[in-house]
Each structure stands twice: as structure tokens, then as C-alpha cells.
Amino acid sequence: MSIARAVVAMAGNPAANNGNGAKANRLVFDLLKQEGERHGFDVVDLTGRDYDDSLARIRERLSDIDDLVVVGGDGMVALAVNALAGAATPLGIVAMGSGNDFARGLGLPVNRARDAVHGIAGAIVNGTHRDVDAGVISAPAATSPAAAASPATESKPFAAAEGGVRRQHRDDFDDGTAQRATCGGMPGMTERLFAGMLSCGLDASINDRANRSTLPYGTLRYFVAVLREVMHIRPYGYHVRAILEDGSVDERTIASPLLTVANSRYVGGGIELSPNSLLDDGLLDLIWLNRVPTFLQIVRAIANAYNGGLLGTGLFDWQRVRSIEIEQSPEGETPPALMADGEYVGRLPVSVAVSSRSMRLLVPPAVLRQDACPRGLA
């Protein structure tokens, strides 16, 4: 009797990095095929023409695949999280994008395709994973991503390698506390999941500028975007109503250049904006600038942006929340289009909640043993 082989799906973004993403996709696909031949699993490529096509292809094949591997940055992680909503399919990340902030927070290899694929294969073979939280954005249909989306860059087609026999999933979520995230639901509302951060102010503008930059991928693209955007810093108006960690309600109006809802620690290609965030605590972190900084304060903040000292500048306030409602306030300028994991997700008003331990991530055994990365992994 033959033994059913696992099927590992891969999806990438050929249009990434000014069209050079296809090279990374081919490299990762070949590496996965080699690991599959060594360990006994098959590989299929579900990369679509664009974001929506890839999303649809993954969802159509969910019942046929055992694991999903995405190639790219935080935008590809966001695609995968939304494609896998409600499923127990584990996700592997080959971080080859411009920011790679979610992978960085997990202690995964960044811009090291061979190491990443080898680690993913080890996680598949050994069954090592982490169940982590996802953020859930709910918004009226009129403010959904389609209403505020930036013009999309069409992805190039990438051939799929078909075949393979499906085996059963190794297991479902281990305990009854892990809730699977789902998209859709309430009439008149749209929902979208995010893995890392929802950016609602200056951070969204920085991300937007970095996305449109022609500079090489990586931290440089974000650093230049920071320098340009802070030259036009101004307070936006927000009214927030948050359910705090202890269940109490905090409602306030905030006039601030920056407001972020964080699930993970990093943004902007390595800026540790939310060092207190835990990936599996069932909570989110609300961070905002508590004033419009002076020029000298901006210089100090930029100097500490990538060394972990940003919150130590005294310019930021922070709350740990269970959920939050955010709408525009007249006490500041109109906030820019919101971005989650580097992708456009619409405009205010929005409600944000957490789906506890609903993402299953393939994590190499060595990463799980790292004492240096206890936050979100312990």
C-alpha cells in the first residue's frame, strides 16, 4: 500500500522588487522541490497574476494542501493569513520582501532563502509550529480596502507545478483555547486579518511612500521614507474607544501624528515600535505619539529608530487592549488611508479585535529553542 505524500503549496509575488520577485519565487520553488524529494512531500505553485488571483487560488486548493509557504514580505504574509482564515493549514514564511517585520519578530531568517526553506522543511518533518494571534479589522463596506486602495501593480503569471497525493493534516489546533480566525460575517461590514500592525497615521504614510519607492528593497527604502514624511509631520484627529486588558473601557480623543495597533514588535524594516507586544497573549498594543515632536526630538527618535530605544524617547504613549474602535475626530487633520502589514485596508472608522492563536506558523526546531526570542515564542 502506498503512503500518501504531503502537498506543500507555495505562493509568491512576481511583481515585487520592481519585477524581480519572480527570481526569488523560482529559487524558493526549486529549493522546496529538493527538500520534498529528500523528505517525501510534493510541491505546487499557486502564485497568481495578482493579489486577488493568488488569494483565490490558495482558497480553492485548501482542501488539497497540507502546508502553505509564502515568498516575500509582510504583504505576502497578510495574503496568506487572509487566505487561510478559518483553516488549520500551517504557514511557512520565506522573508524576501522590503520590510520582513513579522518574520523578524519571530526570529526567522530574513533575505536568506536557503536557510528559510531548510528551516521550513525541518518544521514540516518535525511538526514544529507556533499558534499566534491575528488582528481582525472590521469596517463599513464604504471604507473597505477597495474604496481606498492604491493602484495595484499587476503580477506576472507564474506557472504552477501540479500533482501529488494529499495526506491528512498532521493535527488540528492542539487545545480548545485556539480560535480560528474567519473573514466576512456581519452585514454591511468587511473584515480583514493582519499579522503585524495596523498603521493609522504617519506610519501609514511612511509605508505608502516606501511601497512606491524605486530604491532597493530593505531598510534603506523605509529610512528614506521616514526622513521625507517627518518633514511634513502634522497631528491627525482620532476618537478611540478601547477595551483594556483588565476589561475596563477607555475612551478618549487623540490628536497625534501617529497611531498604531500592533500585534507584533517591528515595523518599517526593523523599527521596534512595539517592544512589549507578544504574539500569543490574546491582546493588541495601541501606540501613539503623545505630541507633535520638535525638530530635535525627531532627530533623536530617528537616531533610536533601529536600536530598540524608540519608546525610551518619551514621545510615545502605550496601552494594551483587547479591542478598539477608531474613528476620525475633528480635533486634527483627516488621517491617511490605513495600512496593515504594508497593504492598503481602507479608511476610518474601523473596529479592531484579536483572534487568539488562530495562525499556525511553521517554525524550525532551532528557532523554538532560542532563549533570545522569548517574546511571542515562549
Protein backbone atom coordinates (compact mmCIF):
# COMPACT_ATOMS: atom_id res chain seq x y z
CA MET A 1 0.00 0.00 0.00
CA SER A 2 1.41 3.40 -0.99
CA ILE A 3 1.91 6.11 1.63
CA ALA A 4 0.13 9.37 0.88
CA ARG A 5 2.53 12.25 0.36
CA ALA A 6 2.10 15.67 1.87
CA VAL A 7 1.42 18.56 -0.50
CA VAL A 8 3.15 21.86 0.19
CA ALA A 9 1.85 24.88 -1.72
CA MET A 10 3.98 27.93 -2.50
CA ALA A 11 2.86 31.45 -3.41
CA GLY A 12 4.96 34.50 -4.20
CA ASN A 13 4.68 37.94 -5.74
CA PRO A 14 6.45 38.12 -9.13
CA ALA A 15 5.87 41.89 -9.31
CA ALA A 16 7.73 42.53 -6.06
CA ASN A 17 11.08 44.34 -6.04
CA ASN A 18 10.38 46.07 -9.35
CA GLY A 19 9.55 42.79 -11.07
CA ASN A 20 12.47 40.80 -9.67
CA GLY A 21 10.27 38.80 -7.33
CA ALA A 22 9.92 36.07 -9.95
CA LYS A 23 13.60 35.17 -9.48
CA ALA A 24 13.08 34.67 -5.76
CA ASN A 25 9.97 32.59 -6.45
CA ARG A 26 11.83 30.28 -8.82
CA LEU A 27 14.70 29.86 -6.36
CA VAL A 28 12.39 29.02 -3.46
CA PHE A 29 10.28 26.66 -5.59
CA ASP A 30 13.41 24.76 -6.67
CA LEU A 31 14.67 24.61 -3.08
CA LEU A 32 11.31 23.32 -1.85
CA LYS A 33 11.29 20.68 -4.59
CA GLN A 34 14.72 19.50 -3.47
CA GLU A 35 13.57 19.31 0.16
CA GLY A 36 10.42 17.50 -0.99
CA GLU A 37 12.43 14.86 -2.82
CA ARG A 38 14.56 14.39 0.29
CA HIS A 39 11.70 14.25 2.81
CA GLY A 40 8.80 12.87 0.78
CA PHE A 41 6.44 15.78 0.07
CA ASP A 42 5.22 17.31 -3.18
CA VAL A 43 5.24 21.00 -4.06
CA VAL A 44 2.73 23.04 -6.09
CA ASP A 45 2.97 26.69 -7.09
CA LEU A 46 -0.23 28.69 -6.54
CA THR A 47 1.18 32.11 -7.40
CA GLY A 48 -1.47 34.12 -9.25
CA ARG A 49 -1.45 37.09 -11.60
CA ASP A 50 -2.08 39.49 -8.70
CA TYR A 51 -3.10 39.59 -5.05
CA ASP A 52 -6.73 38.61 -5.62
CA ASP A 53 -5.84 35.80 -8.02
CA SER A 54 -3.33 34.31 -5.58
CA LEU A 55 -5.87 34.61 -2.78
CA ALA A 56 -8.47 32.77 -4.85
CA ARG A 57 -6.06 30.03 -5.95
CA ILE A 58 -5.00 29.28 -2.39
CA ARG A 59 -8.58 29.17 -1.14
CA GLU A 60 -9.62 26.85 -3.97
CA ARG A 61 -6.87 24.37 -3.07
CA LEU A 62 -7.13 24.49 0.72
CA SER A 63 -8.64 21.02 0.93
CA ASP A 64 -5.77 19.62 -1.17
CA ILE A 65 -2.74 21.08 0.59
CA ASP A 66 -1.09 20.35 3.91
CA ASP A 67 1.12 23.43 4.28
CA LEU A 68 1.44 26.84 2.62
CA VAL A 69 4.74 28.66 2.08
CA VAL A 70 4.78 32.32 1.02
CA VAL A 71 7.73 34.13 -0.53
CA GLY A 72 8.03 37.87 0.02
CA GLY A 73 7.50 40.46 2.69
CA ASP A 74 4.76 41.38 5.12
CA GLY A 75 2.25 41.85 2.30
CA MET A 76 2.58 38.20 1.35
CA VAL A 77 2.15 37.21 4.99
CA ALA A 78 -1.06 39.26 5.03
CA LEU A 79 -2.26 37.49 1.88
CA ALA A 80 -1.61 34.10 3.44
CA VAL A 81 -3.28 34.95 6.75
CA ASN A 82 -6.43 36.04 4.93
CA ALA A 83 -6.34 33.08 2.53
CA LEU A 84 -6.02 30.60 5.40
CA ALA A 85 -8.67 32.23 7.60
CA GLY A 86 -10.69 29.52 9.31
CA ALA A 87 -8.32 26.72 8.27
CA ALA A 88 -5.73 24.78 10.27
CA THR A 89 -3.18 24.80 7.43
CA PRO A 90 0.29 25.73 8.76
CA LEU A 91 2.08 28.69 7.19
CA GLY A 92 5.79 28.93 6.37
CA ILE A 93 7.44 32.27 5.62
CA VAL A 94 10.41 32.85 3.31
CA ALA A 95 11.06 36.50 4.12
CA MET A 96 12.33 38.14 0.90
CA GLY A 97 10.47 41.46 0.91
CA SER A 98 11.28 45.06 1.74
CA GLY A 99 10.18 45.06 5.39
CA ASN A 100 10.03 41.44 6.61
CA ASP A 101 8.96 42.74 10.00
CA PHE A 102 6.68 39.87 11.02
CA ALA A 103 9.35 37.26 10.21
CA ARG A 104 11.92 39.36 12.06
CA GLY A 105 9.75 39.33 15.17
CA LEU A 106 9.59 35.55 15.03
CA GLY A 107 13.34 35.18 14.75
CA LEU A 108 13.08 33.68 11.25
CA PRO A 109 15.76 34.12 8.55
CA VAL A 110 15.44 37.39 6.62
CA ASN A 111 16.58 37.56 2.98
CA ARG A 112 18.22 34.14 3.35
CA ALA A 113 16.12 31.88 1.14
CA ARG A 114 18.15 28.69 1.58
CA ASP A 115 18.17 28.93 5.36
CA ALA A 116 14.45 29.73 5.42
CA VAL A 117 13.47 26.81 3.18
CA HIS A 118 15.70 24.41 5.09
CA GLY A 119 14.07 25.54 8.34
CA ILE A 120 10.57 25.18 6.90
CA ALA A 121 11.36 21.66 5.72
CA GLY A 122 12.61 20.85 9.20
CA ALA A 123 9.40 22.21 10.72
CA ILE A 124 7.29 20.13 8.32
CA VAL A 125 9.23 16.94 9.06
CA ASN A 126 9.34 17.50 12.82
CA GLY A 127 5.88 19.01 13.16
CA THR A 128 7.17 22.12 14.96
CA HIS A 129 4.95 25.18 14.88
CA ARG A 130 3.63 28.14 16.84
CA ASP A 131 0.00 29.19 17.17
CA VAL A 132 -0.07 33.00 17.31
CA ASP A 133 -2.69 35.75 17.35
CA ALA A 134 -4.11 37.65 14.39
CA GLY A 135 -5.67 41.09 14.35
CA VAL A 136 -9.16 41.40 12.86
CA ILE A 137 -10.17 44.69 11.22
CA SER A 138 -13.88 45.34 10.73
CA ALA A 139 -15.06 48.33 8.73
CA PRO A 140 -18.22 49.54 6.98
CA ALA A 141 -18.26 48.40 3.36
CA ALA A 142 -17.91 52.01 2.18
CA THR A 143 -14.48 52.28 3.82
CA SER A 144 -13.25 48.82 2.83
CA PRO A 145 -9.93 48.23 1.05
CA ALA A 146 -11.49 48.66 -2.39
CA ALA A 147 -12.53 52.20 -1.51
CA ALA A 148 -9.03 53.36 -0.64
CA ALA A 149 -6.71 51.01 -2.43
CA SER A 150 -3.62 52.29 -4.16
CA PRO A 151 -3.41 51.43 -7.86
CA ALA A 152 -2.34 47.80 -7.97
CA THR A 153 0.67 46.60 -9.88
CA GLU A 154 -0.35 43.58 -11.89
CA SER A 155 1.72 40.50 -11.16
CA LYS A 156 3.21 38.41 -13.91
CA PRO A 157 1.83 34.89 -14.38
CA PHE A 158 3.95 32.18 -12.84
CA ALA A 159 3.47 28.58 -13.91
CA ALA A 160 2.13 26.11 -11.37
CA ALA A 161 3.57 22.63 -10.93
CA GLU A 162 0.66 20.29 -10.29
CA GLY A 163 0.45 16.79 -8.91
CA GLY A 164 0.90 14.91 -5.67
CA VAL A 165 -1.29 12.87 -3.37
CA ARG A 166 -2.83 14.57 -0.39
CA ARG A 167 -2.29 13.16 3.06
CA GLN A 168 -4.32 14.10 6.11
CA HIS A 169 -3.32 17.16 8.14
CA ARG A 170 -0.96 16.17 10.92
CA ASP A 171 -3.32 17.52 13.55
CA ASP A 172 -5.78 20.26 14.29
CA PHE A 173 -5.17 23.03 16.78
CA ASP A 174 -3.95 21.43 19.96
CA ASP A 175 -6.27 22.84 22.56
CA GLY A 176 -9.69 24.35 22.87
CA THR A 177 -8.37 27.85 23.51
CA ALA A 178 -7.09 28.29 19.96
CA GLN A 179 -9.78 30.00 17.90
CA ARG A 180 -9.55 30.03 14.14
CA ALA A 181 -9.90 33.43 12.53
CA THR A 182 -12.56 33.87 9.88
CA CYS A 183 -13.20 36.65 7.38
CA GLY A 184 -16.57 38.07 6.45
CA GLY A 185 -19.62 37.96 8.62
CA MET A 186 -21.57 40.99 9.76
CA PRO A 187 -23.94 42.50 7.17
CA GLY A 188 -22.66 45.80 5.80
CA MET A 189 -19.18 45.16 7.24
CA THR A 190 -15.99 43.88 5.69
CA GLU A 191 -13.30 42.06 7.66
CA ARG A 192 -9.61 41.64 7.06
CA LEU A 193 -6.94 39.96 9.13
CA PHE A 194 -3.45 41.25 9.83
CA ALA A 195 -0.41 39.60 11.35
CA GLY A 196 1.79 42.53 12.35
CA MET A 197 0.48 46.09 12.61
CA LEU A 198 -2.40 48.32 11.58
CA SER A 199 -0.96 51.75 10.78
CA CYS A 200 -3.31 54.72 11.02
CA GLY A 201 -1.15 57.85 10.71
CA LEU A 202 2.43 58.85 9.94
CA ASP A 203 3.43 55.19 9.96
CA ALA A 204 0.91 54.51 7.18
CA SER A 205 2.26 57.41 5.11
CA ILE A 206 5.81 56.12 5.57
CA ASN A 207 4.76 52.65 4.47
CA ASP A 208 2.93 54.05 1.46
CA ARG A 209 5.98 56.05 0.38
CA ALA A 210 8.24 53.02 0.88
CA ASN A 211 5.91 50.87 -1.22
CA ARG A 212 6.14 53.36 -4.09
CA SER A 213 9.89 53.86 -3.80
CA THR A 214 12.27 52.80 -6.56
CA LEU A 215 15.13 52.37 -4.10
CA PRO A 216 16.48 48.86 -3.44
CA TYR A 217 14.48 46.63 -1.11
CA GLY A 218 15.31 46.72 2.57
CA THR A 219 15.80 49.13 5.44
CA LEU A 220 17.14 51.93 3.20
CA ARG A 221 13.77 52.25 1.46
CA TYR A 222 11.98 52.76 4.80
CA PHE A 223 14.67 55.02 6.26
CA VAL A 224 14.41 57.43 3.33
CA ALA A 225 10.60 57.32 3.58
CA VAL A 226 10.85 58.23 7.29
CA LEU A 227 13.09 61.21 6.53
CA ARG A 228 10.73 62.52 3.85
CA GLU A 229 7.49 62.05 5.76
CA VAL A 230 8.66 63.62 9.02
CA MET A 231 9.30 66.83 7.10
CA HIS A 232 5.50 67.15 6.77
CA ILE A 233 4.52 65.87 10.21
CA ARG A 234 1.12 67.04 11.49
CA PRO A 235 -1.49 65.88 14.02
CA TYR A 236 -4.40 63.74 12.86
CA GLY A 237 -7.66 63.54 14.75
CA TYR A 238 -8.76 60.23 16.31
CA HIS A 239 -11.51 59.24 18.68
CA VAL A 240 -10.81 55.85 20.24
CA ARG A 241 -12.80 53.56 22.48
CA ALA A 242 -10.72 50.69 23.83
CA ILE A 243 -11.45 47.64 25.95
CA LEU A 244 -8.32 47.36 28.06
CA GLU A 245 -6.55 44.25 29.33
CA ASP A 246 -8.49 44.30 32.61
CA GLY A 247 -11.84 44.66 30.83
CA SER A 248 -12.30 48.36 31.63
CA VAL A 249 -13.24 50.87 28.92
CA ASP A 250 -11.03 53.80 27.98
CA GLU A 251 -12.50 56.41 25.63
CA ARG A 252 -10.52 59.43 24.52
CA THR A 253 -9.81 61.86 21.69
CA ILE A 254 -6.23 61.87 20.44
CA ALA A 255 -4.59 64.47 18.22
CA SER A 256 -1.41 62.74 17.08
CA PRO A 257 0.79 62.33 14.01
CA LEU A 258 0.99 58.55 14.61
CA LEU A 259 -1.38 55.88 15.89
CA THR A 260 -0.74 52.15 15.52
CA VAL A 261 -2.46 48.96 16.61
CA ALA A 262 0.26 46.32 16.99
CA ASN A 263 0.23 42.56 17.22
CA SER A 264 3.98 42.19 16.66
CA ARG A 265 7.03 44.26 17.55
CA TYR A 266 8.53 45.60 14.32
CA VAL A 267 7.53 47.96 11.53
CA GLY A 268 9.36 49.80 8.76
CA GLY A 269 12.08 47.24 8.08
CA GLY A 270 13.23 46.78 11.68
CA ILE A 271 11.89 49.69 13.76
CA GLU A 272 10.91 48.19 17.13
CA LEU A 273 7.84 50.36 17.60
CA SER A 274 6.07 47.96 19.98
CA PRO A 275 8.69 46.13 22.07
CA ASN A 276 6.08 44.95 24.58
CA SER A 277 3.96 43.11 22.02
CA LEU A 278 3.51 39.37 22.48
CA LEU A 279 2.34 37.25 19.58
CA ASP A 280 0.29 34.83 21.63
CA ASP A 281 -1.19 36.77 24.57
CA GLY A 282 -4.67 37.43 23.11
CA LEU A 283 -4.05 41.19 23.27
CA LEU A 284 -3.08 44.06 20.98
CA ASP A 285 -0.98 47.14 21.74
CA LEU A 286 -2.09 50.68 20.96
CA ILE A 287 0.82 53.09 20.45
CA TRP A 288 0.64 56.79 19.62
CA LEU A 289 2.83 59.88 19.58
CA ASN A 290 1.81 62.00 22.57
CA ARG A 291 2.77 65.29 20.92
CA VAL A 292 3.95 66.80 17.65
CA PRO A 293 7.70 66.47 18.15
CA THR A 294 10.18 69.29 17.66
CA PHE A 295 12.96 69.02 15.11
CA LEU A 296 15.46 67.93 17.77
CA GLN A 297 13.03 65.35 19.12
CA ILE A 298 12.54 63.98 15.61
CA VAL A 299 16.32 63.70 15.18
CA ARG A 300 16.57 61.82 18.49
CA ALA A 301 13.71 59.49 17.54
CA ILE A 302 15.26 58.70 14.14
CA ALA A 303 18.59 58.00 15.84
CA ASN A 304 16.85 55.45 18.07
CA ALA A 305 14.50 54.02 15.44
CA TYR A 306 16.50 50.87 14.74
CA ASN A 307 18.25 50.26 18.07
CA GLY A 308 15.24 49.43 20.25
CA GLY A 309 15.22 52.76 22.05
CA LEU A 310 12.26 54.44 20.35
CA LEU A 311 9.80 54.17 23.25
CA GLY A 312 12.51 55.42 25.59
CA THR A 313 12.43 58.84 23.93
CA GLY A 314 9.30 59.74 25.94
CA LEU A 315 7.40 60.71 22.79
CA PHE A 316 5.06 57.71 22.82
CA ASP A 317 2.14 56.53 24.93
CA TRP A 318 1.03 52.91 25.01
CA GLN A 319 -1.90 50.75 26.10
CA ARG A 320 -2.56 47.03 25.97
CA VAL A 321 -6.07 46.41 24.64
CA ARG A 322 -8.49 43.57 23.93
CA SER A 323 -10.28 45.51 21.20
CA ILE A 324 -10.56 49.07 19.95
CA GLU A 325 -12.84 51.28 17.87
CA ILE A 326 -11.19 54.14 15.97
CA GLU A 327 -12.94 56.95 14.15
CA GLN A 328 -11.95 60.37 12.88
CA SER A 329 -12.11 63.33 15.23
CA PRO A 330 -12.42 66.99 14.16
CA GLU A 331 -9.60 67.89 16.58
CA GLY A 332 -6.97 67.10 13.95
CA GLU A 333 -6.46 66.64 10.24
CA THR A 334 -8.01 63.76 8.30
CA PRO A 335 -5.90 60.62 8.81
CA PRO A 336 -4.42 58.97 5.70
CA ALA A 337 -5.52 55.65 4.25
CA LEU A 338 -4.89 52.83 6.70
CA MET A 339 -2.31 50.15 6.07
CA ALA A 340 -1.98 46.71 7.64
CA ASP A 341 1.15 44.64 7.07
CA GLY A 342 2.14 47.12 4.36
CA GLU A 343 -1.12 46.75 2.42
CA TYR A 344 -3.97 49.24 1.99
CA VAL A 345 -7.03 48.32 4.04
CA GLY A 346 -9.32 51.35 3.81
CA ARG A 347 -10.14 54.40 5.92
CA LEU A 348 -11.65 55.19 9.29
CA PRO A 349 -13.87 54.22 11.04
CA VAL A 350 -12.67 50.73 11.95
CA SER A 351 -13.01 48.26 14.79
CA VAL A 352 -10.06 46.06 15.66
CA ALA A 353 -10.11 42.87 17.72
CA VAL A 354 -7.80 39.93 18.25
CA SER A 355 -8.30 36.35 17.15
CA SER A 356 -6.37 34.38 19.74
CA ARG A 357 -3.79 31.85 18.50
CA SER A 358 -5.55 31.47 15.16
CA MET A 359 -2.45 31.44 12.94
CA ARG A 360 -0.37 28.27 12.85
CA LEU A 361 3.19 29.06 11.75
CA LEU A 362 5.86 26.58 10.69
CA VAL A 363 8.83 27.37 12.92
CA PRO A 364 12.15 25.47 12.75
CA PRO A 365 13.08 23.50 15.89
CA ALA A 366 16.19 25.66 16.35
CA VAL A 367 14.10 28.85 16.46
CA LEU A 368 11.80 27.37 19.08
CA ARG A 369 14.83 26.69 21.26
CA GLN A 370 16.18 30.22 21.07
CA ASP A 371 16.09 31.76 24.51
CA ALA A 372 16.93 35.09 22.91
CA CYS A 373 13.46 35.38 21.38
CA PRO A 374 11.04 34.66 24.24
CA ARG A 375 8.54 37.37 23.33
CA GLY A 376 5.81 35.80 21.24
CA LEU A 377 7.58 32.44 21.17
CA ALA A 378 7.63 31.29 24.75
